[in-house]
Amino acid sequence: MLTISRELVDKIIAHARADHPDEACGVVAGPAGSDTPERFVPMENAERSPTFYRFDSMEQLRVWREMDDRDEEPVIIYHSHTSTEAYPSRTDISYASEPGAHYVLVSTREELGEDVEFRSYRIIEGVVEEEEVKILPA
């Protein structure tokens, strides 16, 4: 189960809406070994695409080094889908390289209107398992 604050959920959703129609992406870092998401780190989608995301390699290196320096890890790796449901694509699954991370997907597709889908998954060795999301009050 992913336990996350309302504030972090709102930041992820705001980033997804701001980057629409392109996919948004980023991480939420937390103390190593804690499974507690704390520090929101929006990142650039190097592809600037409505159907695909990729972290910029230099930005990713900087962010991961920063997490190492702060004794943090990527608790959440998130991105948005702009025209499909919030479910990992084959490409998303193939790129999932952090077995301890929660992979959050947010769908901003048109038919949802002002609503969004906010879902979380564990992706380990190509196996996708959706998990419950518990949102803590602000």
Protein backbone atom coordinates (compact mmCIF):
# COMPACT_ATOMS: atom_id res chain seq x y z
CA MET A 1 0.00 0.00 0.00
CA LEU A 2 1.17 3.52 -0.80
CA THR A 3 0.59 6.00 2.02
CA ILE A 4 0.94 9.58 0.80
CA SER A 5 -0.01 13.05 2.01
CA ARG A 6 -2.79 15.04 0.33
CA GLU A 7 -0.20 17.79 -0.30
CA LEU A 8 2.03 15.46 -2.36
CA VAL A 9 -0.95 14.06 -4.30
CA ASP A 10 -2.00 17.62 -5.14
CA LYS A 11 1.55 18.50 -6.30
CA ILE A 12 1.75 15.44 -8.58
CA ILE A 13 -1.68 16.20 -10.07
CA ALA A 14 -0.79 19.89 -10.53
CA HIS A 15 2.40 18.91 -12.38
CA ALA A 16 0.44 16.50 -14.62
CA ARG A 17 -2.09 19.22 -15.46
CA ALA A 18 0.59 21.87 -16.04
CA ASP A 19 2.50 19.69 -18.53
CA HIS A 20 -0.63 18.47 -20.35
CA PRO A 21 -0.85 17.67 -23.26
CA ASP A 22 2.66 16.26 -22.73
CA GLU A 23 3.32 13.58 -20.13
CA ALA A 24 4.72 14.88 -16.83
CA CYS A 25 7.24 12.93 -14.77
CA GLY A 26 9.22 13.07 -11.56
CA VAL A 27 9.98 11.43 -8.25
CA VAL A 28 9.05 11.79 -4.62
CA ALA A 29 12.08 11.07 -2.46
CA GLY A 30 12.04 9.81 1.09
CA PRO A 31 14.49 8.63 3.75
CA ALA A 32 16.26 5.46 2.60
CA GLY A 33 14.48 2.35 3.82
CA SER A 34 11.45 4.24 5.15
CA ASP A 35 8.90 3.82 2.30
CA THR A 36 7.80 7.35 3.27
CA PRO A 37 7.39 9.83 0.40
CA GLU A 38 8.43 13.32 1.52
CA ARG A 39 10.28 15.48 -1.02
CA PHE A 40 8.56 16.29 -4.32
CA VAL A 41 10.99 16.46 -7.26
CA PRO A 42 9.30 17.35 -10.57
CA MET A 43 11.49 16.54 -13.57
CA GLU A 44 11.57 17.40 -17.26
CA ASN A 45 10.14 14.99 -19.78
CA ALA A 46 13.09 14.89 -22.18
CA GLU A 47 10.77 13.55 -24.90
CA ARG A 48 8.24 16.40 -24.55
CA SER A 49 5.67 13.92 -25.81
CA PRO A 50 1.97 13.26 -25.13
CA THR A 51 2.57 9.50 -25.39
CA PHE A 52 5.98 8.84 -23.86
CA TYR A 53 8.23 10.10 -21.09
CA ARG A 54 11.92 9.82 -20.40
CA PHE A 55 13.95 11.52 -17.68
CA ASP A 56 16.73 13.72 -19.02
CA SER A 57 19.88 11.68 -18.27
CA MET A 58 21.84 14.61 -16.80
CA GLU A 59 18.91 15.70 -14.63
CA GLN A 60 18.36 12.12 -13.47
CA LEU A 61 22.03 11.77 -12.54
CA ARG A 62 21.86 15.04 -10.57
CA VAL A 63 18.62 14.06 -8.76
CA TRP A 64 19.85 10.54 -7.88
CA ARG A 65 23.17 11.97 -6.59
CA GLU A 66 21.24 14.49 -4.52
CA MET A 67 19.13 11.68 -3.05
CA ASP A 68 22.32 9.72 -2.24
CA ASP A 69 23.81 12.78 -0.53
CA ARG A 70 20.65 13.21 1.55
CA ASP A 71 20.40 9.46 2.37
CA GLU A 72 17.15 9.29 0.38
CA GLU A 73 15.73 6.99 -2.25
CA PRO A 74 13.01 7.33 -4.90
CA VAL A 75 9.94 6.22 -2.95
CA ILE A 76 7.63 7.20 -5.83
CA ILE A 77 8.37 7.47 -9.52
CA TYR A 78 5.45 9.15 -11.22
CA HIS A 79 4.29 10.14 -14.65
CA SER A 80 1.06 11.03 -16.39
CA HIS A 81 -0.92 9.55 -19.23
CA THR A 82 -2.68 12.22 -21.25
CA SER A 83 -5.12 10.16 -23.30
CA THR A 84 -5.22 6.70 -21.72
CA GLU A 85 -6.04 5.20 -18.35
CA ALA A 86 -3.56 5.33 -15.46
CA TYR A 87 -2.10 1.89 -16.14
CA PRO A 88 1.54 1.13 -17.04
CA SER A 89 2.25 0.68 -20.74
CA ARG A 90 4.65 -1.98 -22.01
CA THR A 91 7.30 0.75 -22.27
CA ASP A 92 6.61 1.90 -18.69
CA ILE A 93 7.02 -1.68 -17.48
CA SER A 94 10.27 -2.19 -19.39
CA TYR A 95 11.74 1.03 -17.89
CA ALA A 96 10.71 0.22 -14.29
CA SER A 97 14.14 -0.32 -12.72
CA GLU A 98 13.55 0.56 -9.05
CA PRO A 99 12.00 -2.54 -7.41
CA GLY A 100 11.39 -0.71 -4.12
CA ALA A 101 9.54 2.22 -5.71
CA HIS A 102 5.83 2.86 -6.01
CA TYR A 103 5.04 3.68 -9.64
CA VAL A 104 2.29 6.30 -9.62
CA LEU A 105 0.34 7.06 -12.76
CA VAL A 106 -2.02 9.97 -13.17
CA SER A 107 -4.41 10.15 -16.11
CA THR A 108 -5.44 13.59 -17.34
CA ARG A 109 -7.39 12.25 -20.33
CA GLU A 110 -10.13 14.48 -21.69
CA GLU A 111 -13.18 12.39 -20.79
CA LEU A 112 -12.33 12.75 -17.08
CA GLY A 113 -12.95 16.51 -17.24
CA GLU A 114 -11.60 18.12 -14.08
CA ASP A 115 -11.13 14.71 -12.44
CA VAL A 116 -8.01 12.58 -12.68
CA GLU A 117 -7.15 8.94 -12.07
CA PHE A 118 -4.41 8.52 -9.45
CA ARG A 119 -3.18 4.94 -9.18
CA SER A 120 -0.10 3.22 -7.79
CA TYR A 121 1.68 0.04 -8.81
CA ARG A 122 4.60 -2.13 -7.84
CA ILE A 123 6.53 -3.26 -10.91
CA ILE A 124 9.11 -5.95 -10.26
CA GLU A 125 10.79 -7.91 -13.04
CA GLY A 126 8.01 -7.05 -15.47
CA VAL A 127 5.18 -8.04 -13.12
CA VAL A 128 2.65 -5.27 -12.44
CA GLU A 129 0.59 -5.26 -9.26
CA GLU A 130 -1.79 -2.44 -8.47
CA GLU A 131 -1.80 -1.38 -4.83
CA GLU A 132 -4.13 0.57 -2.59
CA VAL A 133 -3.42 4.28 -2.16
CA LYS A 134 -4.05 5.75 1.28
CA ILE A 135 -4.16 9.55 1.20
CA LEU A 136 -3.47 11.24 4.52
CA PRO A 137 -5.43 14.41 5.30
CA ALA A 138 -3.65 17.73 4.85
